């Protein structure tokens, strides 16, 4: 009897419950988000940083959620946030393993961080003493990066 109640007796239309929706993409919107597949988070950040040979200060602490894949000024690379620094690293040409650090800023020079919409995408805008950086996070919402920097 329940199956008969879900079908119109005049036109034959079936009243089915809506199909489950796909989870919303977290990279800020845009047409390409429909075809991109989500990337998996990096499990062991300290081991990866050690493998890359990145030097840390004696009091600098790595965070498990402090590494993400992002684009800054048209270059794609990794953003590493530690307890005292913000770094942007891109793959070095011709070498495997160790990336090249392009941006290395101390967090004490950070004056503000906010999520804004630019070119129809959500981005993290970081304002330092000497200018601003527009970070387009690829592996998660930009709010996560802003929260990580403002804590």
Foldseek 3Di string as FASTA:
>chain_A
DVQVVQADPPPGDGNDDDDDDDDDDFQFDDDCSVVDDADDADADVVVLCVQLVDDDDPPKAFDSPQWFWKDWPRATAIWGDIPWWTWTWHQDPPDPRHTDTDDIGTLVQWPAWDWDADPNGTWIWTQGPVGIITIRTDNGHNVVVRVVSVD
